[in-house]
């Protein structure tokens, strides 16, 4: 499995969640938490993720008042066959752009 999740910072996750569900024509449901929600397609595909500003220490999701490139957006990549030996290449690439966040989930967590 390979997928990307676009995660955007919002001030009101439940309200924004409802708006995006309407935009994508999805039935109304509640987000998983007050600080995070995934709008899903009928087949379970993640269409967009909403993350409350400042809810965690994600540098690009701390405040909507920052005016830095990439503020308010996280791209989250899920792959089931990631080779850790390639990690140095990704780190060089991402650190060269000024920021990097890496969170490795164990293979026991489902996608």
Foldseek 3Di string as FASTA:
>chain_A
DKDKEKEFEDAWQQVVLQVVCVVVVHDDDGAPDRAKGFDADPVGHTPYMYGYACPDVPPLRPDPPDDDPPRGIDMDMDDLDDDVVCVVVVCVVVVVVPDDDDDDDDNVDDD
